[in-house]
Protein backbone atom coordinates (compact mmCIF):
# COMPACT_ATOMS: atom_id res chain seq x y z
CA UNK A 1 -0.82 19.43 -63.56
CA UNK A 2 -3.22 21.99 -64.70
CA UNK A 3 -3.94 24.09 -61.27
CA UNK A 4 -7.52 25.19 -62.71
CA UNK A 5 -8.44 21.61 -62.67
CA UNK A 6 -6.59 20.63 -59.65
CA UNK A 7 -8.78 23.77 -58.16
CA UNK A 8 -11.94 22.17 -59.57
CA UNK A 9 -11.17 19.14 -58.12
CA UNK A 10 -10.47 20.74 -54.17
CA UNK A 11 -14.00 23.11 -54.53
CA UNK A 12 -15.61 19.61 -55.21
CA UNK A 13 -14.46 17.53 -52.70
CA UNK A 14 -13.68 19.93 -50.05
CA UNK A 15 -15.73 19.73 -46.86
CA UNK A 16 -15.05 21.94 -43.77
CA UNK A 17 -13.94 19.79 -40.70
CA UNK A 18 -16.60 21.84 -38.29
CA UNK A 19 -18.25 18.29 -37.77
CA UNK A 20 -15.41 17.58 -35.54
CA UNK A 21 -14.41 20.92 -34.29
CA UNK A 22 -16.57 20.65 -31.08
CA UNK A 23 -14.79 17.41 -29.98
CA UNK A 24 -11.29 18.86 -30.59
CA UNK A 25 -10.54 19.74 -26.90
CA UNK A 26 -11.17 16.05 -26.26
CA UNK A 27 -8.74 14.72 -28.49
CA UNK A 28 -6.26 12.18 -27.47
CA UNK A 29 -2.86 13.52 -27.78
CA UNK A 30 -0.33 11.65 -30.02
CA UNK A 31 2.49 9.66 -28.39
CA UNK A 32 5.09 11.62 -29.36
CA UNK A 33 5.82 13.77 -33.06
CA UNK A 34 8.66 13.29 -35.52
CA UNK A 35 9.34 15.40 -38.51
CA UNK A 36 9.48 12.83 -41.50
CA UNK A 37 10.81 15.37 -44.13
CA UNK A 38 11.12 18.93 -44.51
CA UNK A 39 10.55 20.73 -47.79
CA UNK A 40 11.51 24.06 -48.67
CA UNK A 41 12.55 24.53 -44.64
CA UNK A 42 9.35 23.32 -44.18
CA UNK A 43 9.11 20.55 -41.46
CA UNK A 44 5.99 17.64 -42.25
CA UNK A 45 5.17 15.88 -39.21
CA UNK A 46 3.64 12.31 -38.40
CA UNK A 47 2.10 11.77 -35.37
CA UNK A 48 2.55 8.58 -33.34
CA UNK A 49 0.41 6.41 -30.85
CA UNK A 50 1.85 3.97 -29.18
CA UNK A 51 0.47 1.07 -27.10
CA UNK A 52 0.74 1.23 -23.23
CA UNK A 53 3.90 -1.23 -22.79
CA UNK A 54 5.77 -0.46 -25.95
CA UNK A 55 9.35 -1.42 -26.59
CA UNK A 56 11.71 -1.03 -29.05
CA UNK A 57 12.62 -4.42 -29.46
CA UNK A 58 8.33 -5.34 -30.29
CA UNK A 59 7.65 -5.98 -33.58
CA UNK A 60 3.96 -4.74 -33.73
CA UNK A 61 1.41 -4.02 -36.56
CA UNK A 62 1.55 -0.85 -37.45
CA UNK A 63 -1.31 1.80 -39.36
CA UNK A 64 -0.71 5.03 -41.30
CA UNK A 65 -3.52 7.44 -41.31
CA UNK A 66 -3.96 10.32 -43.91
CA UNK A 67 -6.61 13.04 -42.93
CA UNK A 68 -9.05 14.52 -45.62
CA UNK A 69 -9.81 18.23 -46.05
CA UNK A 70 -10.65 18.21 -49.76
CA UNK A 71 -6.26 18.51 -49.87
CA UNK A 72 -6.25 22.48 -48.94
CA UNK A 73 -7.51 21.99 -45.26
CA UNK A 74 -6.84 19.21 -42.10
CA UNK A 75 -4.55 18.25 -39.68
CA UNK A 76 -3.49 14.55 -38.29
CA UNK A 77 -6.02 14.96 -35.24
CA UNK A 78 -8.41 14.23 -37.52
CA UNK A 79 -7.81 10.57 -37.09
CA UNK A 80 -6.83 10.73 -33.34
CA UNK A 81 -9.71 9.29 -31.77
CA UNK A 82 -9.35 6.47 -34.55
CA UNK A 83 -5.40 6.26 -33.65
CA UNK A 84 -5.64 5.94 -29.89
CA UNK A 85 -8.27 3.03 -29.75
CA UNK A 86 -5.84 0.79 -32.07
CA UNK A 87 -3.37 1.52 -30.22
CA UNK A 88 -5.01 0.24 -27.12
CA UNK A 89 -5.60 -3.14 -29.02
CA UNK A 90 -1.96 -3.03 -29.55
CA UNK A 91 -0.78 -1.22 -32.47
CA UNK A 92 1.01 1.45 -33.55
CA UNK A 93 -0.70 4.06 -35.16
CA UNK A 94 -0.01 7.49 -36.97
CA UNK A 95 -1.45 10.25 -38.46
CA UNK A 96 0.34 11.97 -41.34
CA UNK A 97 0.91 15.42 -41.80
CA UNK A 98 1.47 16.68 -45.57
CA UNK A 99 1.95 19.88 -47.61
CA UNK A 100 -1.65 21.56 -48.32
CA UNK A 101 -2.89 22.95 -52.16
CA UNK A 102 -3.59 26.31 -50.25
CA UNK A 103 0.30 27.04 -50.20
CA UNK A 104 2.31 28.53 -52.74
CA UNK A 105 3.39 25.72 -55.62
CA UNK A 106 1.55 22.79 -54.11
CA UNK A 107 -0.77 21.02 -56.01
CA UNK A 108 -2.46 17.40 -55.64
CA UNK A 109 0.30 15.74 -56.76
CA UNK A 110 2.64 16.94 -54.02
CA UNK A 111 0.02 15.88 -51.58
CA UNK A 112 0.48 12.49 -53.23
CA UNK A 113 4.48 12.60 -52.74
CA UNK A 114 4.24 13.42 -49.05
CA UNK A 115 2.27 10.59 -48.27
CA UNK A 116 4.03 8.54 -50.40
CA UNK A 117 7.04 9.59 -48.53
CA UNK A 118 5.73 9.17 -45.13
CA UNK A 119 5.08 5.34 -45.49
CA UNK A 120 8.56 5.05 -46.36
CA UNK A 121 9.41 6.72 -43.65
CA UNK A 122 7.54 4.53 -41.38
CA UNK A 123 9.01 1.38 -43.20
CA UNK A 124 12.10 2.40 -42.72
CA UNK A 125 12.40 3.07 -39.17
CA UNK A 126 10.34 0.36 -38.56
CA UNK A 127 12.90 -0.89 -36.22
CA UNK A 128 13.17 1.51 -33.94
CA UNK A 129 9.41 2.27 -33.96
CA UNK A 130 9.12 -1.05 -32.48
CA UNK A 131 7.06 -2.31 -35.99
CA UNK A 132 6.94 -4.95 -38.19
CA UNK A 133 8.04 -3.95 -41.75
CA UNK A 134 5.67 -6.50 -42.95
CA UNK A 135 2.40 -5.76 -41.30
CA UNK A 136 1.52 -1.68 -42.42
CA UNK A 137 -1.87 -0.69 -43.02
CA UNK A 138 -3.05 2.51 -44.18
CA UNK A 139 -6.17 4.63 -44.21
CA UNK A 140 -7.76 8.07 -44.39
CA UNK A 141 -10.71 9.84 -45.34
CA UNK A 142 -12.07 11.82 -48.32
CA UNK A 143 -8.74 13.01 -49.97
CA UNK A 144 -6.89 11.27 -47.17
CA UNK A 145 -8.32 8.07 -48.57
CA UNK A 146 -7.34 9.35 -51.56
CA UNK A 147 -3.55 9.51 -50.76
CA UNK A 148 -3.81 5.93 -49.10
CA UNK A 149 -5.16 4.52 -52.17
CA UNK A 150 -1.91 6.55 -54.04
CA UNK A 151 0.14 4.26 -52.05
CA UNK A 152 -0.48 1.06 -54.50
CA UNK A 153 -1.95 2.90 -57.62
CA UNK A 154 0.36 6.50 -57.69
CA UNK A 155 3.89 5.22 -57.78
CA UNK A 156 4.37 7.66 -60.85
CA UNK A 157 4.76 10.46 -57.90
CA UNK A 158 7.29 9.39 -55.81
CA UNK A 159 9.11 12.35 -54.40
CA UNK A 160 12.89 12.62 -56.56
CA UNK A 161 14.37 12.68 -52.93
CA UNK A 162 13.17 9.34 -51.58
CA UNK A 163 15.22 6.35 -51.47
CA UNK A 164 12.94 4.50 -54.08
CA UNK A 165 14.54 0.91 -52.65
CA UNK A 166 11.73 1.22 -49.57
CA UNK A 167 8.95 -0.79 -51.21
CA UNK A 168 5.65 0.75 -50.30
CA UNK A 169 3.02 -2.00 -49.92
CA UNK A 170 0.49 -1.84 -47.44
CA UNK A 171 -1.18 -5.01 -46.30
CA UNK A 172 -4.04 -3.34 -46.11
CA UNK A 173 -6.02 -0.11 -46.44
CA UNK A 174 -8.74 1.16 -44.49
CA UNK A 175 -10.80 4.00 -46.05
CA UNK A 176 -13.73 6.50 -45.34
CA UNK A 177 -15.49 8.18 -48.05
CA UNK A 178 -12.75 8.03 -50.36
CA UNK A 179 -12.04 9.96 -53.53
CA UNK A 180 -10.59 6.85 -55.33
CA UNK A 181 -12.47 7.61 -58.94
CA UNK A 182 -11.80 11.36 -60.30
CA UNK A 183 -13.99 10.97 -63.21
CA UNK A 184 -17.67 11.87 -61.35
CA UNK A 185 -20.04 13.89 -62.74
CA UNK A 186 -19.68 17.44 -61.00
CA UNK A 187 -15.55 17.40 -61.59
CA UNK A 188 -16.32 16.73 -65.48
CA UNK A 189 -18.98 19.18 -65.61
CA UNK A 190 -16.62 21.71 -64.19
CA UNK A 191 -14.04 20.94 -66.48
CA UNK A 192 -16.17 20.98 -69.73
CA UNK A 193 -17.45 24.29 -68.69
CA UNK A 194 -13.97 25.60 -68.73
CA UNK A 195 -13.11 23.70 -71.91
CA UNK A 196 -10.45 21.48 -70.31
CA UNK A 197 -9.38 17.92 -70.75
CA UNK A 198 -9.77 15.80 -67.80
CA UNK A 199 -6.54 13.42 -68.62
CA UNK A 200 -4.46 15.61 -65.99
CA UNK A 201 -6.95 14.66 -63.32
CA UNK A 202 -7.09 10.99 -64.63
CA UNK A 203 -3.24 10.54 -63.71
CA UNK A 204 -4.17 11.29 -59.99
CA UNK A 205 -7.14 9.19 -60.09
CA UNK A 206 -6.19 5.62 -58.23
CA UNK A 207 -9.25 3.93 -60.13
CA UNK A 208 -7.63 5.20 -63.46
CA UNK A 209 -4.49 3.85 -62.37
CA UNK A 210 -5.53 0.29 -60.81
CA UNK A 211 -3.18 -3.14 -61.56
CA UNK A 212 -3.56 -6.41 -60.14
CA UNK A 213 -2.03 -7.08 -56.50
CA UNK A 214 -4.39 -4.24 -54.26
CA UNK A 215 -4.34 -5.26 -50.98
CA UNK A 216 -7.07 -6.39 -49.17
CA UNK A 217 -9.46 -3.10 -48.66
CA UNK A 218 -12.50 -2.16 -46.84
CA UNK A 219 -14.44 1.16 -47.52
CA UNK A 220 -17.07 2.88 -45.24
CA UNK A 221 -19.55 5.27 -47.50
CA UNK A 222 -22.44 6.85 -46.56
CA UNK A 223 -25.30 5.94 -49.52
CA UNK A 224 -26.37 10.01 -49.47
CA UNK A 225 -22.93 11.25 -50.15
CA UNK A 226 -23.06 14.18 -52.38
CA UNK A 227 -19.50 15.16 -52.44
CA UNK A 228 -17.89 11.88 -53.43
CA UNK A 229 -21.07 9.43 -55.05
CA UNK A 230 -21.21 5.88 -53.55
CA UNK A 231 -21.29 4.61 -57.14
CA UNK A 232 -17.42 5.60 -57.74
CA UNK A 233 -16.27 3.68 -54.49
CA UNK A 234 -18.79 1.04 -55.85
CA UNK A 235 -16.52 0.88 -58.97
CA UNK A 236 -13.82 0.97 -57.49
CA UNK A 237 -14.60 -2.20 -55.56
CA UNK A 238 -15.76 -3.86 -58.15
CA UNK A 239 -12.50 -3.10 -60.39
CA UNK A 240 -10.24 -4.33 -57.61
CA UNK A 241 -12.19 -7.80 -57.57
CA UNK A 242 -11.98 -8.25 -61.29
CA UNK A 243 -8.32 -7.95 -60.89
CA UNK A 244 -8.26 -11.05 -58.36
CA UNK A 245 -8.21 -8.94 -55.38
CA UNK A 246 -10.72 -7.86 -52.14
CA UNK A 247 -12.58 -4.70 -51.49
CA UNK A 248 -15.51 -4.68 -49.48
CA UNK A 249 -17.95 -1.46 -49.95
CA UNK A 250 -19.43 -1.46 -46.08
CA UNK A 251 -22.32 1.03 -46.76
CA UNK A 252 -24.05 3.20 -44.51
CA UNK A 253 -27.76 4.38 -45.06
CA UNK A 254 -28.62 8.00 -45.24
CA UNK A 255 -24.97 9.16 -44.34
CA UNK A 256 -23.47 11.90 -46.25
CA UNK A 257 -20.12 12.35 -46.57
CA UNK A 258 -17.82 12.57 -43.51
CA UNK A 259 -20.31 10.91 -41.43
CA UNK A 260 -17.76 8.43 -39.81
CA UNK A 261 -16.45 11.83 -37.81
CA UNK A 262 -19.86 11.81 -36.15
CA UNK A 263 -20.80 10.28 -33.09
CA UNK A 264 -22.21 7.42 -33.11
CA UNK A 265 -20.31 6.24 -36.52
CA UNK A 266 -16.99 6.96 -35.48
CA UNK A 267 -17.04 4.23 -32.87
CA UNK A 268 -19.25 1.80 -35.34
CA UNK A 269 -16.95 2.00 -38.49
CA UNK A 270 -13.71 1.82 -36.03
CA UNK A 271 -15.37 -1.33 -35.46
CA UNK A 272 -15.77 -2.83 -38.31
CA UNK A 273 -12.20 -1.47 -39.43
CA UNK A 274 -11.17 -3.66 -36.09
CA UNK A 275 -12.71 -6.58 -37.49
CA UNK A 276 -11.04 -6.53 -40.51
CA UNK A 277 -7.89 -5.83 -39.48
CA UNK A 278 -8.04 -8.44 -36.70
CA UNK A 279 -8.90 -11.35 -39.28
CA UNK A 280 -5.85 -10.11 -41.01
CA UNK A 281 -3.89 -10.53 -38.17
CA UNK A 282 -2.93 -7.26 -37.69
CA UNK A 283 -5.25 -6.96 -34.36
CA UNK A 284 -4.93 -9.49 -31.68
CA UNK A 285 -8.07 -11.13 -30.63
CA UNK A 286 -10.41 -9.29 -28.45
CA UNK A 287 -9.62 -10.76 -24.92
């Protein structure tokens, strides 16, 4: 992929993590951290939150989260609050570290490959993780929402070292202001200014690779988001439904990008996400 075009996309979508920095010390720690993959001597971790009373023989539902940060920043701690709360509800929650485009030789394609490798690791280790391999959901915010959507749309970009007999098939997606349609005006204008085509960019655009069989999806998005236009996720949802799938966009009036990281929206969006997961048999009924 042309690095100039990728750089344009990163500039358009990178949002500093200052919105959550003030809460960093209070973020719940994972139960454990495991290495799911090593690349060029670098270990990539997956953070795990387990419910109280977890046992290896359990067959619990799970959710795999991917952090945002424009593919160039961020960490698995971004979804620590959501992961800890869902673990309290009985799920096993995961948050994935992936390579970042600030590292030499890394493009968005490598981020996609890592996201797919992490999901395969979770599914292939289901027995020891105490989860049901047929009840794994995925989620993410901004660039991480792109990676979660890429699990079901960007099969072209598997890591050649992955065991591709492990099918990537999340049963539901929970996305927060996700970058799922990468032809918005800001990106197009930048590409035109450089005299470059955007075809390479569209290869990693989930919207442009959509096909039938998309899992049920909920998207949380602010209607004043100037980083990822709400029209892009609305178009994504429409196309999913035209192909026979289910995709709901929950609009947050007056909210911009990464609103879900801020109080009280972090808990409001999570409550709606819990309802979505419960309807699909991934969470136990509320007591």
